[in-house]
Structure formats: C-alpha cells, structure tokens
Amino acid sequence: MAVAGHKMKVLSLYKQLLRASQKFDSYNYRMYALRRIRDAFRENKSLADNTTIANELAFAQKNLEIIQRQTIVGHLYRAPIKLVIEK
C-alpha cells in the first residue's frame, strides 16, 4: 500500500527531470539525458521495497539538481553554432 504512495512523487520527479533535460543547449547532451532518464525509470519500475524506492527517489532528486546546474553552466558557455540535426 505504501508503494502506491510513492507513485505521485515518482511521476512528478520524472516530469521534472524530462523538462530540465530539455533545457540543454547541446543536442547531444539533451538526447543523452533524455535517454538515461527514460532507461533508469524503465529499469526501476518494478521496484516494490519502500526503502529501495526512497533511495532511488533521493538519487533521482540529486540528478535533477545536477541537470539544473549543468543547464545553467551550459547557458553561460553557449556555442553559437547549431548542429545540422537541430532546427
């Protein structure tokens, strides 16, 4: 029953991570972050232990802070040239 209590937190954190990773200027960083986020959440979707879920949520929260910090740094040192794939 307590596992269901984490569902809203997990979904909220997932959405926050996806939104934050969309802010990367570099296409390569952006796509890497999106791929890693999706893979990690897909890999951990079958977790049932509350302690493990709480640990993974804490890890995801730390990664969200890292992504937010890196997007700010990326904006400070923005490359003027876009890749061909980016429009």
C-alpha atoms as a PDB file:
ATOM      1  CA  MET A   1       0.000   0.000   0.000  1.00  0.00           C
ATOM      2  CA  ALA A   2       2.839   2.393   0.793  1.00  0.00           C
ATOM      3  CA  VAL A   3       4.354   1.761  -2.642  1.00  0.00           C
ATOM      4  CA  ALA A   4       1.294   3.398  -4.195  1.00  0.00           C
ATOM      5  CA  GLY A   5       2.040   6.481  -2.069  1.00  0.00           C
ATOM      6  CA  HIS A   6       5.283   6.974  -3.988  1.00  0.00           C
ATOM      7  CA  LYS A   7       3.570   6.948  -7.372  1.00  0.00           C
ATOM      8  CA  MET A   8       2.820  10.686  -7.459  1.00  0.00           C
ATOM      9  CA  LYS A   9       6.338  11.541  -6.286  1.00  0.00           C
ATOM     10  CA  VAL A  10       7.863   9.325  -8.953  1.00  0.00           C
ATOM     11  CA  LEU A  11       5.720  10.775 -11.743  1.00  0.00           C
ATOM     12  CA  SER A  12       6.401  14.319 -10.612  1.00  0.00           C
ATOM     13  CA  LEU A  13      10.139  13.735 -10.433  1.00  0.00           C
ATOM     14  CA  TYR A  14      10.099  12.024 -13.841  1.00  0.00           C
ATOM     15  CA  LYS A  15       8.373  15.023 -15.427  1.00  0.00           C
ATOM     16  CA  GLN A  16      10.751  17.453 -13.723  1.00  0.00           C
ATOM     17  CA  LEU A  17      13.759  15.513 -14.992  1.00  0.00           C
ATOM     18  CA  LEU A  18      12.414  15.442 -18.550  1.00  0.00           C
ATOM     19  CA  ARG A  19      11.663  19.175 -18.509  1.00  0.00           C
ATOM     20  CA  ALA A  20      15.058  20.032 -17.048  1.00  0.00           C
ATOM     21  CA  SER A  21      16.883  17.911 -19.615  1.00  0.00           C
ATOM     22  CA  GLN A  22      15.050  19.707 -22.437  1.00  0.00           C
ATOM     23  CA  LYS A  23      16.863  22.888 -21.413  1.00  0.00           C
ATOM     24  CA  PHE A  24      20.283  21.640 -22.520  1.00  0.00           C
ATOM     25  CA  ASP A  25      21.532  23.708 -25.454  1.00  0.00           C
ATOM     26  CA  SER A  26      23.597  20.877 -26.867  1.00  0.00           C
ATOM     27  CA  TYR A  27      21.610  18.307 -28.820  1.00  0.00           C
ATOM     28  CA  ASN A  28      23.951  15.523 -27.728  1.00  0.00           C
ATOM     29  CA  TYR A  29      23.632  16.317 -24.011  1.00  0.00           C
ATOM     30  CA  ARG A  30      19.879  16.757 -24.331  1.00  0.00           C
ATOM     31  CA  MET A  31      19.321  13.406 -26.068  1.00  0.00           C
ATOM     32  CA  TYR A  32      21.729  11.594 -23.721  1.00  0.00           C
ATOM     33  CA  ALA A  33      19.933  12.937 -20.648  1.00  0.00           C
ATOM     34  CA  LEU A  34      16.514  12.023 -22.028  1.00  0.00           C
ATOM     35  CA  ARG A  35      17.677   8.523 -22.907  1.00  0.00           C
ATOM     36  CA  ARG A  36      19.279   7.947 -19.492  1.00  0.00           C
ATOM     37  CA  ILE A  37      16.217   9.235 -17.613  1.00  0.00           C
ATOM     38  CA  ARG A  38      13.829   7.029 -19.556  1.00  0.00           C
ATOM     39  CA  ASP A  39      16.076   3.985 -19.221  1.00  0.00           C
ATOM     40  CA  ALA A  40      16.558   4.454 -15.480  1.00  0.00           C
ATOM     41  CA  PHE A  41      12.858   4.845 -14.771  1.00  0.00           C
ATOM     42  CA  ARG A  42      12.010   1.882 -17.017  1.00  0.00           C
ATOM     43  CA  GLU A  43      14.643  -0.217 -15.247  1.00  0.00           C
ATOM     44  CA  ASN A  44      13.303   0.633 -11.787  1.00  0.00           C
ATOM     45  CA  LYS A  45       9.567   0.456 -12.489  1.00  0.00           C
ATOM     46  CA  SER A  46       9.237  -2.976 -10.883  1.00  0.00           C
ATOM     47  CA  LEU A  47      10.691  -1.965  -7.509  1.00  0.00           C
ATOM     48  CA  ALA A  48       8.463  -2.905  -4.593  1.00  0.00           C
ATOM     49  CA  ASP A  49      10.557  -2.231  -1.485  1.00  0.00           C
ATOM     50  CA  ASN A  50       9.811   1.142   0.120  1.00  0.00           C
ATOM     51  CA  THR A  51      13.414   1.660   1.222  1.00  0.00           C
ATOM     52  CA  THR A  52      14.759   0.988  -2.251  1.00  0.00           C
ATOM     53  CA  ILE A  53      12.168   3.284  -3.807  1.00  0.00           C
ATOM     54  CA  ALA A  54      13.056   6.054  -1.351  1.00  0.00           C
ATOM     55  CA  ASN A  55      16.770   5.626  -2.133  1.00  0.00           C
ATOM     56  CA  GLU A  56      16.132   5.769  -5.879  1.00  0.00           C
ATOM     57  CA  LEU A  57      13.951   8.871  -5.437  1.00  0.00           C
ATOM     58  CA  ALA A  58      16.733  10.575  -3.484  1.00  0.00           C
ATOM     59  CA  PHE A  59      19.223   9.624  -6.213  1.00  0.00           C
ATOM     60  CA  ALA A  60      16.895  10.995  -8.901  1.00  0.00           C
ATOM     61  CA  GLN A  61      16.451  14.235  -6.946  1.00  0.00           C
ATOM     62  CA  LYS A  62      20.233  14.685  -6.773  1.00  0.00           C
ATOM     63  CA  ASN A  63      20.450  14.078 -10.509  1.00  0.00           C
ATOM     64  CA  LEU A  64      17.729  16.657 -11.104  1.00  0.00           C
ATOM     65  CA  GLU A  65      19.804  19.218  -9.218  1.00  0.00           C
ATOM     66  CA  ILE A  66      22.864  18.275 -11.286  1.00  0.00           C
ATOM     67  CA  ILE A  67      20.951  18.657 -14.558  1.00  0.00           C
ATOM     68  CA  GLN A  68      19.591  22.034 -13.477  1.00  0.00           C
ATOM     69  CA  ARG A  69      23.074  23.208 -12.513  1.00  0.00           C
ATOM     70  CA  GLN A  70      24.605  21.951 -15.758  1.00  0.00           C
ATOM     71  CA  THR A  71      21.993  23.672 -17.909  1.00  0.00           C
ATOM     72  CA  ILE A  72      22.820  26.960 -16.212  1.00  0.00           C
ATOM     73  CA  VAL A  73      26.537  26.424 -16.835  1.00  0.00           C
ATOM     74  CA  GLY A  74      25.749  25.407 -20.415  1.00  0.00           C
ATOM     75  CA  HIS A  75      23.881  28.661 -20.976  1.00  0.00           C
ATOM     76  CA  LEU A  76      26.879  30.620 -19.730  1.00  0.00           C
ATOM     77  CA  TYR A  77      29.184  28.973 -22.289  1.00  0.00           C
ATOM     78  CA  ARG A  78      26.774  28.607 -25.174  1.00  0.00           C
ATOM     79  CA  ALA A  79      28.155  27.540 -28.543  1.00  0.00           C
ATOM     80  CA  PRO A  80      26.980  29.826 -31.366  1.00  0.00           C
ATOM     81  CA  ILE A  81      26.827  27.013 -33.926  1.00  0.00           C
ATOM     82  CA  LYS A  82      23.930  24.548 -34.018  1.00  0.00           C
ATOM     83  CA  LEU A  83      24.170  21.047 -35.416  1.00  0.00           C
ATOM     84  CA  VAL A  84      22.531  20.195 -38.723  1.00  0.00           C
ATOM     85  CA  ILE A  85      20.034  17.981 -36.915  1.00  0.00           C
ATOM     86  CA  GLU A  86      18.844  20.902 -34.766  1.00  0.00           C
ATOM     87  CA  LYS A  87      16.337  23.277 -36.283  1.00  0.00           C
END
